Amino acid sequence: MSKEDRIVALEEQVAHLTKTVEELSDVVAKQERILEVAERRLGMLMEAEALRQSDTEGSIALADQRPPHW
């Protein structure tokens, strides 16, 4: 293999690796956005549940109540 052929092969490999890194960077950025949305939603759900529990404080939790047919 000549020196020029080796250089061309290395350039091709670098180009391929650069493309792969860029694609992976895009994937990570997308996952970060998805994770941020999920964290916000989880926070909202936790706040709503805490509010719901504080509103029913002093009464029996719905899960612990007997069904009406008993």
PDB file of N, CA and C in Angstrom:
ATOM      1  N   MET A   1       0.846  -1.169   0.000  1.00  0.00           N
ATOM      2  CA  MET A   1       0.000   0.000   0.000  1.00  0.00           C
ATOM      3  C   MET A   1       0.897   1.240   0.000  1.00  0.00           C
ATOM      4  N   SER A   2       0.641   2.119  -0.946  1.00  0.00           N
ATOM      5  CA  SER A   2       1.487   3.309  -1.049  1.00  0.00           C
ATOM      6  C   SER A   2       1.120   4.335   0.032  1.00  0.00           C
ATOM      7  N   LYS A   3       2.011   5.263   0.191  1.00  0.00           N
ATOM      8  CA  LYS A   3       1.807   6.303   1.202  1.00  0.00           C
ATOM      9  C   LYS A   3       0.539   7.105   0.894  1.00  0.00           C
ATOM     10  N   GLU A   4       0.311   7.378  -0.373  1.00  0.00           N
ATOM     11  CA  GLU A   4      -0.879   8.132  -0.778  1.00  0.00           C
ATOM     12  C   GLU A   4      -2.155   7.343  -0.502  1.00  0.00           C
ATOM     13  N   ASP A   5      -2.135   6.041  -0.763  1.00  0.00           N
ATOM     14  CA  ASP A   5      -3.299   5.196  -0.490  1.00  0.00           C
ATOM     15  C   ASP A   5      -3.618   5.169   1.011  1.00  0.00           C
ATOM     16  N   ARG A   6      -2.575   5.108   1.820  1.00  0.00           N
ATOM     17  CA  ARG A   6      -2.765   5.102   3.279  1.00  0.00           C
ATOM     18  C   ARG A   6      -3.387   6.416   3.742  1.00  0.00           C
ATOM     19  N   ILE A   7      -2.918   7.526   3.160  1.00  0.00           N
ATOM     20  CA  ILE A   7      -3.460   8.837   3.543  1.00  0.00           C
ATOM     21  C   ILE A   7      -4.938   8.932   3.160  1.00  0.00           C
ATOM     22  N   VAL A   8      -5.272   8.464   1.954  1.00  0.00           N
ATOM     23  CA  VAL A   8      -6.664   8.482   1.510  1.00  0.00           C
ATOM     24  C   VAL A   8      -7.516   7.617   2.430  1.00  0.00           C
ATOM     25  N   ALA A   9      -7.039   6.444   2.797  1.00  0.00           N
ATOM     26  CA  ALA A   9      -7.797   5.551   3.686  1.00  0.00           C
ATOM     27  C   ALA A   9      -7.996   6.202   5.052  1.00  0.00           C
ATOM     28  N   LEU A  10      -6.960   6.855   5.565  1.00  0.00           N
ATOM     29  CA  LEU A  10      -7.088   7.534   6.853  1.00  0.00           C
ATOM     30  C   LEU A  10      -8.068   8.701   6.776  1.00  0.00           C
ATOM     31  N   GLU A  11      -8.037   9.447   5.684  1.00  0.00           N
ATOM     32  CA  GLU A  11      -8.984  10.555   5.506  1.00  0.00           C
ATOM     33  C   GLU A  11     -10.423  10.046   5.449  1.00  0.00           C
ATOM     34  N   GLU A  12     -10.619   8.922   4.764  1.00  0.00           N
ATOM     35  CA  GLU A  12     -11.960   8.327   4.703  1.00  0.00           C
ATOM     36  C   GLU A  12     -12.431   7.905   6.089  1.00  0.00           C
ATOM     37  N   GLN A  13     -11.531   7.304   6.836  1.00  0.00           N
ATOM     38  CA  GLN A  13     -11.868   6.856   8.183  1.00  0.00           C
ATOM     39  C   GLN A  13     -12.194   8.049   9.087  1.00  0.00           C
ATOM     40  N   VAL A  14     -11.428   9.113   9.002  1.00  0.00           N
ATOM     41  CA  VAL A  14     -11.686  10.312   9.796  1.00  0.00           C
ATOM     42  C   VAL A  14     -13.033  10.914   9.408  1.00  0.00           C
ATOM     43  N   ALA A  15     -13.336  10.957   8.133  1.00  0.00           N
ATOM     44  CA  ALA A  15     -14.618  11.495   7.678  1.00  0.00           C
ATOM     45  C   ALA A  15     -15.774  10.667   8.237  1.00  0.00           C
ATOM     46  N   HIS A  16     -15.612   9.349   8.203  1.00  0.00           N
ATOM     47  CA  HIS A  16     -16.648   8.461   8.726  1.00  0.00           C
ATOM     48  C   HIS A  16     -16.824   8.662  10.230  1.00  0.00           C
ATOM     49  N   LEU A  17     -15.723   8.742  10.950  1.00  0.00           N
ATOM     50  CA  LEU A  17     -15.790   8.935  12.401  1.00  0.00           C
ATOM     51  C   LEU A  17     -16.385  10.299  12.752  1.00  0.00           C
ATOM     52  N   THR A  18     -16.052  11.319  11.977  1.00  0.00           N
ATOM     53  CA  THR A  18     -16.615  12.654  12.205  1.00  0.00           C
ATOM     54  C   THR A  18     -18.123  12.641  12.019  1.00  0.00           C
ATOM     55  N   LYS A  19     -18.589  11.967  10.980  1.00  0.00           N
ATOM     56  CA  LYS A  19     -20.031  11.863  10.735  1.00  0.00           C
ATOM     57  C   LYS A  19     -20.711  11.126  11.879  1.00  0.00           C
ATOM     58  N   THR A  20     -20.104  10.051  12.343  1.00  0.00           N
ATOM     59  CA  THR A  20     -20.667   9.279  13.451  1.00  0.00           C
ATOM     60  C   THR A  20     -20.758  10.116  14.720  1.00  0.00           C
ATOM     61  N   VAL A  21     -19.719  10.879  15.011  1.00  0.00           N
ATOM     62  CA  VAL A  21     -19.713  11.737  16.205  1.00  0.00           C
ATOM     63  C   VAL A  21     -20.822  12.785  16.106  1.00  0.00           C
ATOM     64  N   GLU A  22     -21.001  13.376  14.950  1.00  0.00           N
ATOM     65  CA  GLU A  22     -22.054  14.375  14.761  1.00  0.00           C
ATOM     66  C   GLU A  22     -23.436  13.752  14.946  1.00  0.00           C
ATOM     67  N   GLU A  23     -23.637  12.552  14.418  1.00  0.00           N
ATOM     68  CA  GLU A  23     -24.922  11.867  14.582  1.00  0.00           C
ATOM     69  C   GLU A  23     -25.185  11.549  16.055  1.00  0.00           C
ATOM     70  N   LEU A  24     -24.165  11.079  16.747  1.00  0.00           N
ATOM     71  CA  LEU A  24     -24.322  10.769  18.167  1.00  0.00           C
ATOM     72  C   LEU A  24     -24.588  12.037  18.981  1.00  0.00           C
ATOM     73  N   SER A  25     -23.966  13.129  18.605  1.00  0.00           N
ATOM     74  CA  SER A  25     -24.199  14.405  19.282  1.00  0.00           C
ATOM     75  C   SER A  25     -25.663  14.825  19.120  1.00  0.00           C
ATOM     76  N   ASP A  26     -26.213  14.644  17.929  1.00  0.00           N
ATOM     77  CA  ASP A  26     -27.618  14.966  17.692  1.00  0.00           C
ATOM     78  C   ASP A  26     -28.533  14.096  18.552  1.00  0.00           C
ATOM     79  N   VAL A  27     -28.197  12.816  18.647  1.00  0.00           N
ATOM     80  CA  VAL A  27     -28.999  11.898  19.464  1.00  0.00           C
ATOM     81  C   VAL A  27     -28.969  12.319  20.929  1.00  0.00           C
ATOM     82  N   VAL A  28     -27.799  12.652  21.428  1.00  0.00           N
ATOM     83  CA  VAL A  28     -27.665  13.067  22.830  1.00  0.00           C
ATOM     84  C   VAL A  28     -28.454  14.356  23.075  1.00  0.00           C
ATOM     85  N   ALA A  29     -28.386  15.304  22.156  1.00  0.00           N
ATOM     86  CA  ALA A  29     -29.126  16.559  22.303  1.00  0.00           C
ATOM     87  C   ALA A  29     -30.633  16.296  22.339  1.00  0.00           C
ATOM     88  N   LYS A  30     -31.100  15.411  21.473  1.00  0.00           N
ATOM     89  CA  LYS A  30     -32.534  15.072  21.457  1.00  0.00           C
ATOM     90  C   LYS A  30     -32.939  14.402  22.769  1.00  0.00           C
ATOM     91  N   GLN A  31     -32.128  13.486  23.257  1.00  0.00           N
ATOM     92  CA  GLN A  31     -32.431  12.809  24.520  1.00  0.00           C
ATOM     93  C   GLN A  31     -32.432  13.796  25.680  1.00  0.00           C
ATOM     94  N   GLU A  32     -31.560  14.787  25.635  1.00  0.00           N
ATOM     95  CA  GLU A  32     -31.529  15.802  26.692  1.00  0.00           C
ATOM     96  C   GLU A  32     -32.836  16.586  26.710  1.00  0.00           C
ATOM     97  N   ARG A  33     -33.346  16.954  25.527  1.00  0.00           N
ATOM     98  CA  ARG A  33     -34.625  17.675  25.467  1.00  0.00           C
ATOM     99  C   ARG A  33     -35.765  16.810  25.989  1.00  0.00           C
ATOM    100  N   ILE A  34     -35.773  15.545  25.616  1.00  0.00           N
ATOM    101  CA  ILE A  34     -36.815  14.631  26.087  1.00  0.00           C
ATOM    102  C   ILE A  34     -36.750  14.477  27.599  1.00  0.00           C
ATOM    103  N   LEU A  35     -35.550  14.355  28.136  1.00  0.00           N
ATOM    104  CA  LEU A  35     -35.366  14.205  29.573  1.00  0.00           C
ATOM    105  C   LEU A  35     -35.829  15.455  30.319  1.00  0.00           C
ATOM    106  N   GLU A  36     -35.538  16.621  29.793  1.00  0.00           N
ATOM    107  CA  GLU A  36     -35.982  17.866  30.434  1.00  0.00           C
ATOM    108  C   GLU A  36     -37.501  17.934  30.503  1.00  0.00           C
ATOM    109  N   VAL A  37     -38.170  17.558  29.418  1.00  0.00           N
ATOM    110  CA  VAL A  37     -39.635  17.554  29.406  1.00  0.00           C
ATOM    111  C   VAL A  37     -40.167  16.548  30.429  1.00  0.00           C
ATOM    112  N   ALA A  38     -39.572  15.372  30.471  1.00  0.00           N
ATOM    113  CA  ALA A  38     -40.020  14.344  31.418  1.00  0.00           C
ATOM    114  C   ALA A  38     -39.815  14.802  32.863  1.00  0.00           C
ATOM    115  N   GLU A  39     -38.693  15.468  33.138  1.00  0.00           N
ATOM    116  CA  GLU A  39     -38.442  15.965  34.488  1.00  0.00           C
ATOM    117  C   GLU A  39     -39.459  17.036  34.874  1.00  0.00           C
ATOM    118  N   ARG A  40     -39.794  17.935  33.933  1.00  0.00           N
ATOM    119  CA  ARG A  40     -40.806  18.959  34.223  1.00  0.00           C
ATOM    120  C   ARG A  40     -42.158  18.315  34.511  1.00  0.00           C
ATOM    121  N   ARG A  41     -42.530  17.337  33.697  1.00  0.00           N
ATOM    122  CA  ARG A  41     -43.811  16.655  33.903  1.00  0.00           C
ATOM    123  C   ARG A  41     -43.839  15.922  35.235  1.00  0.00           C
ATOM    124  N   LEU A  42     -42.737  15.273  35.586  1.00  0.00           N
ATOM    125  CA  LEU A  42     -42.673  14.575  36.863  1.00  0.00           C
ATOM    126  C   LEU A  42     -42.823  15.562  38.013  1.00  0.00           C
ATOM    127  N   GLY A  43     -42.158  16.702  37.914  1.00  0.00           N
ATOM    128  CA  GLY A  43     -42.284  17.727  38.945  1.00  0.00           C
ATOM    129  C   GLY A  43     -43.713  18.205  39.094  1.00  0.00           C
ATOM    130  N   MET A  44     -44.387  18.415  37.962  1.00  0.00           N
ATOM    131  CA  MET A  44     -45.785  18.854  37.997  1.00  0.00           C
ATOM    132  C   MET A  44     -46.664  17.783  38.638  1.00  0.00           C
ATOM    133  N   LEU A  45     -46.431  16.526  38.289  1.00  0.00           N
ATOM    134  CA  LEU A  45     -47.223  15.443  38.869  1.00  0.00           C
ATOM    135  C   LEU A  45     -46.991  15.328  40.373  1.00  0.00           C
ATOM    136  N   MET A  46     -45.741  15.492  40.798  1.00  0.00           N
ATOM    137  CA  MET A  46     -45.444  15.407  42.226  1.00  0.00           C
ATOM    138  C   MET A  46     -46.102  16.562  42.986  1.00  0.00           C
ATOM    139  N   GLU A  47     -46.082  17.761  42.398  1.00  0.00           N
ATOM    140  CA  GLU A  47     -46.743  18.896  43.037  1.00  0.00           C
ATOM    141  C   GLU A  47     -48.251  18.673  43.114  1.00  0.00           C
ATOM    142  N   ALA A  48     -48.837  18.177  42.036  1.00  0.00           N
ATOM    143  CA  ALA A  48     -50.283  17.923  42.021  1.00  0.00           C
ATOM    144  C   ALA A  48     -50.649  16.873  43.061  1.00  0.00           C
ATOM    145  N   GLU A  49     -49.854  15.833  43.180  1.00  0.00           N
ATOM    146  CA  GLU A  49     -50.138  14.778  44.163  1.00  0.00           C
ATOM    147  C   GLU A  49     -49.976  15.309  45.579  1.00  0.00           C
ATOM    148  N   ALA A  50     -48.959  16.125  45.818  1.00  0.00           N
ATOM    149  CA  ALA A  50     -48.771  16.707  47.153  1.00  0.00           C
ATOM    150  C   ALA A  50     -49.949  17.608  47.503  1.00  0.00           C
ATOM    151  N   LEU A  51     -50.414  18.378  46.534  1.00  0.00           N
ATOM    152  CA  LEU A  51     -51.576  19.240  46.761  1.00  0.00           C
ATOM    153  C   LEU A  51     -52.820  18.405  47.035  1.00  0.00           C
ATOM    154  N   ARG A  52     -52.993  17.345  46.271  1.00  0.00           N
ATOM    155  CA  ARG A  52     -54.158  16.477  46.465  1.00  0.00           C
ATOM    156  C   ARG A  52     -54.132  15.840  47.843  1.00  0.00           C
ATOM    157  N   GLN A  53     -52.959  15.399  48.265  1.00  0.00           N
ATOM    158  CA  GLN A  53     -52.849  14.768  49.578  1.00  0.00           C
ATOM    159  C   GLN A  53     -53.064  15.776  50.694  1.00  0.00           C
ATOM    160  N   SER A  54     -52.617  17.008  50.501  1.00  0.00           N
ATOM    161  CA  SER A  54     -52.812  18.013  51.547  1.00  0.00           C
ATOM    162  C   SER A  54     -54.276  18.428  51.629  1.00  0.00           C
ATOM    163  N   ASP A  55     -54.993  18.371  50.506  1.00  0.00           N
ATOM    164  CA  ASP A  55     -56.420  18.712  50.504  1.00  0.00           C
ATOM    165  C   ASP A  55     -57.243  17.660  51.232  1.00  0.00           C
ATOM    166  N   THR A  56     -56.803  16.414  51.178  1.00  0.00           N
ATOM    167  CA  THR A  56     -57.574  15.325  51.802  1.00  0.00           C
ATOM    168  C   THR A  56     -57.037  14.980  53.178  1.00  0.00           C
ATOM    169  N   GLU A  57     -56.114  15.792  53.693  1.00  0.00           N
ATOM    170  CA  GLU A  57     -55.536  15.509  55.007  1.00  0.00           C
ATOM    171  C   GLU A  57     -56.638  15.568  56.061  1.00  0.00           C
ATOM    172  N   GLY A  58     -56.629  14.636  56.957  1.00  0.00           N
ATOM    173  CA  GLY A  58     -57.663  14.558  57.979  1.00  0.00           C
ATOM    174  C   GLY A  58     -58.771  13.597  57.599  1.00  0.00           C
ATOM    175  N   SER A  59     -58.915  13.304  56.332  1.00  0.00           N
ATOM    176  CA  SER A  59     -59.898  12.315  55.906  1.00  0.00           C
ATOM    177  C   SER A  59     -59.160  11.036  55.518  1.00  0.00           C
ATOM    178  N   ILE A  60     -59.890   9.983  55.349  1.00  0.00           N
ATOM    179  CA  ILE A  60     -59.292   8.692  54.994  1.00  0.00           C
ATOM    180  C   ILE A  60     -58.920   8.723  53.518  1.00  0.00           C
ATOM    181  N   ALA A  61     -57.723   8.277  53.216  1.00  0.00           N
ATOM    182  CA  ALA A  61     -57.269   8.236  51.824  1.00  0.00           C
ATOM    183  C   ALA A  61     -58.190   7.348  51.008  1.00  0.00           C
ATOM    184  N   LEU A  62     -58.434   7.728  49.770  1.00  0.00           N
ATOM    185  CA  LEU A  62     -59.355   6.996  48.907  1.00  0.00           C
ATOM    186  C   LEU A  62     -58.973   5.523  48.796  1.00  0.00           C
ATOM    187  N   ALA A  63     -57.708   5.217  48.742  1.00  0.00           N
ATOM    188  CA  ALA A  63     -57.262   3.841  48.607  1.00  0.00           C
ATOM    189  C   ALA A  63     -57.585   3.044  49.866  1.00  0.00           C
ATOM    190  N   ASP A  64     -57.717   3.693  51.022  1.00  0.00           N
ATOM    191  CA  ASP A  64     -58.004   2.992  52.281  1.00  0.00           C
ATOM    192  C   ASP A  64     -59.481   2.954  52.599  1.00  0.00           C
ATOM    193  N   GLN A  65     -60.308   3.578  51.817  1.00  0.00           N
ATOM    194  CA  GLN A  65     -61.755   3.592  52.096  1.00  0.00           C
ATOM    195  C   GLN A  65     -62.393   2.307  51.598  1.00  0.00           C
ATOM    196  N   ARG A  66     -63.459   1.915  52.273  1.00  0.00           N
ATOM    197  CA  ARG A  66     -64.202   0.738  51.833  1.00  0.00           C
ATOM    198  C   ARG A  66     -65.068   1.107  50.643  1.00  0.00           C
ATOM    199  N   PRO A  67     -65.253   0.188  49.733  1.00  0.00           N
ATOM    200  CA  PRO A  67     -66.141   0.457  48.592  1.00  0.00           C
ATOM    201  C   PRO A  67     -67.563   0.716  49.096  1.00  0.00           C
ATOM    202  N   PRO A  68     -68.379   1.462  48.358  1.00  0.00           N
ATOM    203  CA  PRO A  68     -69.719   1.821  48.822  1.00  0.00           C
ATOM    204  C   PRO A  68     -70.658   0.624  48.998  1.00  0.00           C
ATOM    205  N   HIS A  69     -70.379  -0.508  48.368  1.00  0.00           N
ATOM    206  CA  HIS A  69     -71.281  -1.653  48.474  1.00  0.00           C
ATOM    207  C   HIS A  69     -71.024  -2.467  49.737  1.00  0.00           C
ATOM    208  N   TRP A  70     -70.083  -2.085  50.593  1.00  0.00           N
ATOM    209  CA  TRP A  70     -69.816  -2.846  51.806  1.00  0.00           C
ATOM    210  C   TRP A  70     -70.676  -2.357  52.918  1.00  0.00           C
TER     211      TRP A  70
END
